[in-house]
Amino acid sequence: MTAAVAIDLWLWSLDCAPDEASRRSAVLTEAERARANRFVHDRDRVCFISGRWRLRGILAGIVGCSPEALALQAGPNGKPELAEGPMFNLSHAAGLAALVVTQEAGVLLGVDIEGARQVDPGLDAYAFAPEERAALQALDPARRQAGFFLGWTRKEAVVKATGEGLRANLSGFAVTLDPDQPRLLRFDGQNPADWRLHDFRPGADLAGAIACHTGGREIAVTRRA
């Protein structure tokens, strides 16, 4: 039996006092600090700094260097990566960050977390493929908001894994909305069986999902402190 792809998941709060954010920014690069300073709102600036600070600390511990020496670079689609690995992806929402890391070479990895909120009318038409919209409408009205965010996090994790982001054709693939069976139903130009999805609950009123292109191997997710 082929071994599962091991994925580590970290969750942490992005909130901190301004003086602590200033201290944490010391491990960021000049470009990262400049990016942080472009945020209009202080909370967004602090969240960005706290996200990169912890990201650098975790990855530096894995590769064996100091956080400030970690050589992050932009991939073909602008997705941060490390030339020699490991593969990783970061997401944040509602003052919380989620980081996934795998030492497996050649896989695509993405994570997304979302806070439950009122869904704008018509958002499902933009975000969902026809079969996903049909599945959403088939849900009991009381479960539709939860079903929407379940599907939305799964789809966002997939496009973050591919690195396409806002350029992705969201109708070009479809995921299940079943809380007990996270999987890809269709992926134009790809075999959906090559992907694995995994749901997690980062906190109250938050949904989280991990997507990994494994070539058909299962995944094993471990929560880290």
C-alpha atoms as a PDB file:
ATOM      1  CA  MET A   1       0.000   0.000   0.000  1.00  0.00           C
ATOM      2  CA  THR A   2       1.331   3.427  -0.971  1.00  0.00           C
ATOM      3  CA  ALA A   3       2.004   5.668   2.023  1.00  0.00           C
ATOM      4  CA  ALA A   4      -0.244   8.673   2.536  1.00  0.00           C
ATOM      5  CA  VAL A   5       1.041  12.185   1.884  1.00  0.00           C
ATOM      6  CA  ALA A   6       1.807  13.670   5.318  1.00  0.00           C
ATOM      7  CA  ILE A   7       0.554  17.225   5.819  1.00  0.00           C
ATOM      8  CA  ASP A   8       1.107  19.337   8.931  1.00  0.00           C
ATOM      9  CA  LEU A   9      -1.438  22.001   9.869  1.00  0.00           C
ATOM     10  CA  TRP A  10      -0.716  24.980  12.125  1.00  0.00           C
ATOM     11  CA  LEU A  11      -3.319  27.460  13.408  1.00  0.00           C
ATOM     12  CA  TRP A  12      -2.543  30.690  15.268  1.00  0.00           C
ATOM     13  CA  SER A  13      -4.033  34.026  16.206  1.00  0.00           C
ATOM     14  CA  LEU A  14      -2.901  37.055  14.220  1.00  0.00           C
ATOM     15  CA  ASP A  15      -3.857  39.535  16.912  1.00  0.00           C
ATOM     16  CA  CYS A  16      -1.136  41.316  18.854  1.00  0.00           C
ATOM     17  CA  ALA A  17      -0.344  44.733  20.296  1.00  0.00           C
ATOM     18  CA  PRO A  18       1.297  47.350  18.022  1.00  0.00           C
ATOM     19  CA  ASP A  19       4.629  47.152  19.867  1.00  0.00           C
ATOM     20  CA  GLU A  20       4.637  43.363  19.511  1.00  0.00           C
ATOM     21  CA  ALA A  21       3.877  43.706  15.788  1.00  0.00           C
ATOM     22  CA  SER A  22       6.851  46.043  15.485  1.00  0.00           C
ATOM     23  CA  ARG A  23       9.077  43.460  17.179  1.00  0.00           C
ATOM     24  CA  ARG A  24       7.793  40.669  14.919  1.00  0.00           C
ATOM     25  CA  SER A  25       8.420  42.737  11.793  1.00  0.00           C
ATOM     26  CA  ALA A  26      12.167  42.523  12.463  1.00  0.00           C
ATOM     27  CA  VAL A  27      12.319  39.062  10.840  1.00  0.00           C
ATOM     28  CA  LEU A  28      10.531  40.249   7.680  1.00  0.00           C
ATOM     29  CA  THR A  29      12.358  41.351   4.573  1.00  0.00           C
ATOM     30  CA  GLU A  30      12.398  45.000   3.533  1.00  0.00           C
ATOM     31  CA  ALA A  31       9.898  44.183   0.778  1.00  0.00           C
ATOM     32  CA  GLU A  32       7.570  42.464   3.262  1.00  0.00           C
ATOM     33  CA  ARG A  33       7.727  45.420   5.651  1.00  0.00           C
ATOM     34  CA  ALA A  34       6.987  47.780   2.761  1.00  0.00           C
ATOM     35  CA  ARG A  35       3.993  45.650   1.818  1.00  0.00           C
ATOM     36  CA  ALA A  36       2.765  45.711   5.417  1.00  0.00           C
ATOM     37  CA  ASN A  37       3.013  49.493   5.501  1.00  0.00           C
ATOM     38  CA  ARG A  38       0.819  49.793   2.411  1.00  0.00           C
ATOM     39  CA  PHE A  39      -2.216  48.491   4.293  1.00  0.00           C
ATOM     40  CA  VAL A  40      -4.667  51.275   5.068  1.00  0.00           C
ATOM     41  CA  HIS A  41      -5.991  49.751   8.278  1.00  0.00           C
ATOM     42  CA  ASP A  42      -3.708  48.981  11.225  1.00  0.00           C
ATOM     43  CA  ARG A  43      -5.441  45.652  11.886  1.00  0.00           C
ATOM     44  CA  ASP A  44      -4.674  44.442   8.357  1.00  0.00           C
ATOM     45  CA  ARG A  45      -1.053  45.527   8.742  1.00  0.00           C
ATOM     46  CA  VAL A  46      -0.716  43.682  12.073  1.00  0.00           C
ATOM     47  CA  CYS A  47      -2.342  40.540  10.623  1.00  0.00           C
ATOM     48  CA  PHE A  48       0.054  40.498   7.687  1.00  0.00           C
ATOM     49  CA  ILE A  49       3.091  40.935   9.948  1.00  0.00           C
ATOM     50  CA  SER A  50       1.924  38.239  12.381  1.00  0.00           C
ATOM     51  CA  GLY A  51       1.193  35.870   9.515  1.00  0.00           C
ATOM     52  CA  ARG A  52       4.615  36.235   7.891  1.00  0.00           C
ATOM     53  CA  TRP A  53       6.404  36.219  11.269  1.00  0.00           C
ATOM     54  CA  ARG A  54       4.963  32.840  12.291  1.00  0.00           C
ATOM     55  CA  LEU A  55       5.231  31.444   8.755  1.00  0.00           C
ATOM     56  CA  ARG A  56       8.929  32.281   8.707  1.00  0.00           C
ATOM     57  CA  GLY A  57       9.446  30.810  12.156  1.00  0.00           C
ATOM     58  CA  ILE A  58       7.782  27.488  11.311  1.00  0.00           C
ATOM     59  CA  LEU A  59       9.465  27.032   7.934  1.00  0.00           C
ATOM     60  CA  ALA A  60      12.861  28.121   9.275  1.00  0.00           C
ATOM     61  CA  GLY A  61      12.600  25.436  11.937  1.00  0.00           C
ATOM     62  CA  ILE A  62      11.935  22.845   9.240  1.00  0.00           C
ATOM     63  CA  VAL A  63      14.726  23.813   6.836  1.00  0.00           C
ATOM     64  CA  GLY A  64      17.250  24.727   9.539  1.00  0.00           C
ATOM     65  CA  CYS A  65      17.909  28.448   9.209  1.00  0.00           C
ATOM     66  CA  SER A  66      16.987  31.662  10.974  1.00  0.00           C
ATOM     67  CA  PRO A  67      13.536  33.128  10.198  1.00  0.00           C
ATOM     68  CA  GLU A  68      15.040  36.256   8.616  1.00  0.00           C
ATOM     69  CA  ALA A  69      17.298  34.136   6.370  1.00  0.00           C
ATOM     70  CA  LEU A  70      14.415  32.097   4.938  1.00  0.00           C
ATOM     71  CA  ALA A  71      14.569  32.572   1.152  1.00  0.00           C
ATOM     72  CA  LEU A  72      10.922  32.889   0.183  1.00  0.00           C
ATOM     73  CA  GLN A  73      10.353  33.505  -3.512  1.00  0.00           C
ATOM     74  CA  ALA A  74       7.378  34.026  -5.810  1.00  0.00           C
ATOM     75  CA  GLY A  75       6.395  31.084  -8.000  1.00  0.00           C
ATOM     76  CA  PRO A  76       5.087  31.309 -11.582  1.00  0.00           C
ATOM     77  CA  ASN A  77       1.707  32.638 -10.401  1.00  0.00           C
ATOM     78  CA  GLY A  78       3.087  34.751  -7.552  1.00  0.00           C
ATOM     79  CA  LYS A  79       2.475  32.074  -4.923  1.00  0.00           C
ATOM     80  CA  PRO A  80       5.203  32.155  -2.210  1.00  0.00           C
ATOM     81  CA  GLU A  81       7.447  29.093  -2.268  1.00  0.00           C
ATOM     82  CA  LEU A  82      10.838  27.720  -1.282  1.00  0.00           C
ATOM     83  CA  ALA A  83      13.085  26.571  -4.125  1.00  0.00           C
ATOM     84  CA  GLU A  84      14.201  23.445  -2.232  1.00  0.00           C
ATOM     85  CA  GLY A  85      10.893  22.813  -0.446  1.00  0.00           C
ATOM     86  CA  PRO A  86       8.957  22.044   1.598  1.00  0.00           C
ATOM     87  CA  MET A  87       5.632  22.787  -0.093  1.00  0.00           C
ATOM     88  CA  PHE A  88       3.407  25.107   1.948  1.00  0.00           C
ATOM     89  CA  ASN A  89       0.400  27.401   1.791  1.00  0.00           C
ATOM     90  CA  LEU A  90      -1.025  30.061   4.126  1.00  0.00           C
ATOM     91  CA  SER A  91      -4.550  31.399   4.614  1.00  0.00           C
ATOM     92  CA  HIS A  92      -6.101  33.790   7.105  1.00  0.00           C
ATOM     93  CA  ALA A  93      -9.550  35.008   8.095  1.00  0.00           C
ATOM     94  CA  ALA A  94     -11.222  36.557  11.138  1.00  0.00           C
ATOM     95  CA  GLY A  95      -7.898  37.150  12.903  1.00  0.00           C
ATOM     96  CA  LEU A  96      -6.737  33.542  12.523  1.00  0.00           C
ATOM     97  CA  ALA A  97      -4.063  32.013  10.269  1.00  0.00           C
ATOM     98  CA  ALA A  98      -3.755  28.477   8.905  1.00  0.00           C
ATOM     99  CA  LEU A  99      -0.548  27.060   7.460  1.00  0.00           C
ATOM    100  CA  VAL A 100      -0.151  23.677   5.762  1.00  0.00           C
ATOM    101  CA  VAL A 101       3.240  22.104   5.033  1.00  0.00           C
ATOM    102  CA  THR A 102       4.325  18.873   3.367  1.00  0.00           C
ATOM    103  CA  GLN A 103       7.776  17.468   2.706  1.00  0.00           C
ATOM    104  CA  GLU A 104       6.459  15.540  -0.314  1.00  0.00           C
ATOM    105  CA  ALA A 105       7.955  16.771  -3.574  1.00  0.00           C
ATOM    106  CA  GLY A 106       5.820  17.208  -6.661  1.00  0.00           C
ATOM    107  CA  VAL A 107       2.458  17.738  -4.966  1.00  0.00           C
ATOM    108  CA  LEU A 108       0.274  20.828  -5.111  1.00  0.00           C
ATOM    109  CA  LEU A 109      -0.991  22.053  -1.741  1.00  0.00           C
ATOM    110  CA  GLY A 110      -3.541  24.692  -0.753  1.00  0.00           C
ATOM    111  CA  VAL A 111      -5.495  25.748   2.322  1.00  0.00           C
ATOM    112  CA  ASP A 112      -8.362  28.140   2.918  1.00  0.00           C
ATOM    113  CA  ILE A 113     -10.264  29.327   5.968  1.00  0.00           C
ATOM    114  CA  GLU A 114     -13.410  31.443   5.862  1.00  0.00           C
ATOM    115  CA  GLY A 115     -15.582  33.100   8.478  1.00  0.00           C
ATOM    116  CA  ALA A 116     -19.313  32.489   8.198  1.00  0.00           C
ATOM    117  CA  ARG A 117     -21.140  35.613   7.071  1.00  0.00           C
ATOM    118  CA  GLN A 118     -24.206  36.639   5.117  1.00  0.00           C
ATOM    119  CA  VAL A 119     -23.858  35.435   1.537  1.00  0.00           C
ATOM    120  CA  ASP A 120     -24.377  38.155  -1.067  1.00  0.00           C
ATOM    121  CA  PRO A 121     -27.213  37.346  -3.505  1.00  0.00           C
ATOM    122  CA  GLY A 122     -25.810  35.845  -6.673  1.00  0.00           C
ATOM    123  CA  LEU A 123     -22.413  34.954  -5.193  1.00  0.00           C
ATOM    124  CA  ASP A 124     -23.094  31.268  -5.762  1.00  0.00           C
ATOM    125  CA  ALA A 125     -23.606  31.990  -9.477  1.00  0.00           C
ATOM    126  CA  TYR A 126     -20.126  33.537  -9.600  1.00  0.00           C
ATOM    127  CA  ALA A 127     -18.319  31.032  -7.392  1.00  0.00           C
ATOM    128  CA  PHE A 128     -20.033  27.726  -8.103  1.00  0.00           C
ATOM    129  CA  ALA A 129     -20.261  25.410 -11.098  1.00  0.00           C
ATOM    130  CA  PRO A 130     -23.775  24.363 -12.244  1.00  0.00           C
ATOM    131  CA  GLU A 131     -23.728  21.061 -10.348  1.00  0.00           C
ATOM    132  CA  GLU A 132     -22.614  22.841  -7.174  1.00  0.00           C
ATOM    133  CA  ARG A 133     -25.437  25.373  -7.482  1.00  0.00           C
ATOM    134  CA  ALA A 134     -27.901  22.513  -7.932  1.00  0.00           C
ATOM    135  CA  ALA A 135     -26.541  20.783  -4.821  1.00  0.00           C
ATOM    136  CA  LEU A 136     -26.803  24.048  -2.861  1.00  0.00           C
ATOM    137  CA  GLN A 137     -30.425  24.594  -3.863  1.00  0.00           C
ATOM    138  CA  ALA A 138     -31.235  20.998  -2.894  1.00  0.00           C
ATOM    139  CA  LEU A 139     -30.168  21.689   0.696  1.00  0.00           C
ATOM    140  CA  ASP A 140     -32.668  22.642   3.369  1.00  0.00           C
ATOM    141  CA  PRO A 141     -32.749  26.489   3.454  1.00  0.00           C
ATOM    142  CA  ALA A 142     -31.450  26.442   7.035  1.00  0.00           C
ATOM    143  CA  ARG A 143     -28.314  24.600   5.864  1.00  0.00           C
ATOM    144  CA  ARG A 144     -27.555  26.574   2.712  1.00  0.00           C
ATOM    145  CA  GLN A 145     -25.229  29.128   4.275  1.00  0.00           C
ATOM    146  CA  ALA A 146     -23.150  26.383   5.910  1.00  0.00           C
ATOM    147  CA  GLY A 147     -23.220  24.442   2.632  1.00  0.00           C
ATOM    148  CA  PHE A 148     -22.055  27.460   0.689  1.00  0.00           C
ATOM    149  CA  PHE A 149     -19.026  28.085   2.904  1.00  0.00           C
ATOM    150  CA  LEU A 150     -18.182  24.385   2.966  1.00  0.00           C
ATOM    151  CA  GLY A 151     -18.036  24.388  -0.832  1.00  0.00           C
ATOM    152  CA  TRP A 152     -16.370  27.792  -1.012  1.00  0.00           C
ATOM    153  CA  THR A 153     -13.455  26.813   1.255  1.00  0.00           C
ATOM    154  CA  ARG A 154     -12.938  23.590  -0.707  1.00  0.00           C
ATOM    155  CA  LYS A 155     -12.854  25.476  -3.998  1.00  0.00           C
ATOM    156  CA  GLU A 156     -10.557  28.181  -2.650  1.00  0.00           C
ATOM    157  CA  ALA A 157      -8.166  25.536  -1.331  1.00  0.00           C
ATOM    158  CA  VAL A 158      -8.031  23.996  -4.816  1.00  0.00           C
ATOM    159  CA  VAL A 159      -7.280  27.281  -6.618  1.00  0.00           C
ATOM    160  CA  LYS A 160      -4.687  28.147  -3.985  1.00  0.00           C
ATOM    161  CA  ALA A 161      -3.045  24.777  -4.599  1.00  0.00           C
ATOM    162  CA  THR A 162      -2.880  25.402  -8.339  1.00  0.00           C
ATOM    163  CA  GLY A 163      -1.676  28.967  -7.721  1.00  0.00           C
ATOM    164  CA  GLU A 164      -4.254  30.412 -10.112  1.00  0.00           C
ATOM    165  CA  GLY A 165      -6.095  32.466  -7.494  1.00  0.00           C
ATOM    166  CA  LEU A 166      -8.429  35.065  -9.004  1.00  0.00           C
ATOM    167  CA  ARG A 167      -7.506  33.876 -12.504  1.00  0.00           C
ATOM    168  CA  ALA A 168      -9.067  30.468 -11.916  1.00  0.00           C
ATOM    169  CA  ASN A 169     -12.143  29.352 -13.848  1.00  0.00           C
ATOM    170  CA  LEU A 170     -14.398  28.505 -10.915  1.00  0.00           C
ATOM    171  CA  SER A 171     -16.878  26.757 -13.205  1.00  0.00           C
ATOM    172  CA  GLY A 172     -14.113  24.527 -14.552  1.00  0.00           C
ATOM    173  CA  PHE A 173     -14.246  22.231 -11.541  1.00  0.00           C
ATOM    174  CA  ALA A 174     -16.771  21.125  -8.946  1.00  0.00           C
ATOM    175  CA  VAL A 175     -16.586  19.895  -5.360  1.00  0.00           C
ATOM    176  CA  THR A 176     -19.063  18.124  -3.137  1.00  0.00           C
ATOM    177  CA  LEU A 177     -21.065  20.082  -0.575  1.00  0.00           C
ATOM    178  CA  ASP A 178     -21.557  17.007   1.595  1.00  0.00           C
ATOM    179  CA  PRO A 179     -19.906  17.613   4.996  1.00  0.00           C
ATOM    180  CA  ASP A 180     -18.983  13.925   5.265  1.00  0.00           C
ATOM    181  CA  GLN A 181     -17.476  13.448   1.789  1.00  0.00           C
ATOM    182  CA  PRO A 182     -15.028  16.192   0.781  1.00  0.00           C
ATOM    183  CA  ARG A 183     -13.899  15.456  -2.777  1.00  0.00           C
ATOM    184  CA  LEU A 184     -13.652  16.782  -6.291  1.00  0.00           C
ATOM    185  CA  LEU A 185     -16.470  15.751  -8.605  1.00  0.00           C
ATOM    186  CA  ARG A 186     -15.060  17.227 -11.797  1.00  0.00           C
ATOM    187  CA  PHE A 187     -11.937  19.065 -12.923  1.00  0.00           C
ATOM    188  CA  ASP A 188     -11.784  19.996 -16.595  1.00  0.00           C
ATOM    189  CA  GLY A 189      -8.535  18.760 -18.134  1.00  0.00           C
ATOM    190  CA  GLN A 190      -7.587  16.782 -15.024  1.00  0.00           C
ATOM    191  CA  ASN A 191      -8.536  13.579 -13.258  1.00  0.00           C
ATOM    192  CA  PRO A 192     -10.444  14.584 -10.102  1.00  0.00           C
ATOM    193  CA  ALA A 193      -9.347  11.304  -8.496  1.00  0.00           C
ATOM    194  CA  ASP A 194      -5.802  12.718  -8.404  1.00  0.00           C
ATOM    195  CA  TRP A 195      -6.919  15.224  -5.751  1.00  0.00           C
ATOM    196  CA  ARG A 196      -7.693  14.837  -2.067  1.00  0.00           C
ATOM    197  CA  LEU A 197      -9.706  17.284   0.064  1.00  0.00           C
ATOM    198  CA  HIS A 198      -9.790  17.529   3.856  1.00  0.00           C
ATOM    199  CA  ASP A 199     -12.065  19.704   6.020  1.00  0.00           C
ATOM    200  CA  PHE A 200     -11.204  21.119   9.447  1.00  0.00           C
ATOM    201  CA  ARG A 201     -12.807  23.505  11.920  1.00  0.00           C
ATOM    202  CA  PRO A 202     -10.390  26.311  12.823  1.00  0.00           C
ATOM    203  CA  GLY A 203     -12.855  27.818  15.294  1.00  0.00           C
ATOM    204  CA  ALA A 204     -16.458  28.735  15.974  1.00  0.00           C
ATOM    205  CA  ASP A 205     -18.217  30.023  12.844  1.00  0.00           C
ATOM    206  CA  LEU A 206     -15.127  29.234  10.743  1.00  0.00           C
ATOM    207  CA  ALA A 207     -14.706  26.680   7.981  1.00  0.00           C
ATOM    208  CA  GLY A 208     -11.402  25.327   6.713  1.00  0.00           C
ATOM    209  CA  ALA A 209     -10.303  23.063   3.879  1.00  0.00           C
ATOM    210  CA  ILE A 210      -7.083  21.585   2.535  1.00  0.00           C
ATOM    211  CA  ALA A 211      -6.623  20.532  -1.099  1.00  0.00           C
ATOM    212  CA  CYS A 212      -3.725  18.429  -2.335  1.00  0.00           C
ATOM    213  CA  HIS A 213      -2.925  17.039  -5.770  1.00  0.00           C
ATOM    214  CA  THR A 214      -1.373  13.706  -4.828  1.00  0.00           C
ATOM    215  CA  GLY A 215      -1.819  11.639  -7.975  1.00  0.00           C
ATOM    216  CA  GLY A 216      -4.365   9.520  -6.140  1.00  0.00           C
ATOM    217  CA  ARG A 217      -2.567   8.967  -2.832  1.00  0.00           C
ATOM    218  CA  GLU A 218      -4.445   9.566   0.402  1.00  0.00           C
ATOM    219  CA  ILE A 219      -3.436  12.368   2.768  1.00  0.00           C
ATOM    220  CA  ALA A 220      -2.789  12.301   6.513  1.00  0.00           C
ATOM    221  CA  VAL A 221      -3.229  15.669   8.268  1.00  0.00           C
ATOM    222  CA  THR A 222      -1.613  16.321  11.654  1.00  0.00           C
ATOM    223  CA  ARG A 223      -2.398  19.359  13.801  1.00  0.00           C
ATOM    224  CA  ARG A 224       0.692  21.087  15.150  1.00  0.00           C
ATOM    225  CA  ALA A 225       0.963  23.520  18.048  1.00  0.00           C
END
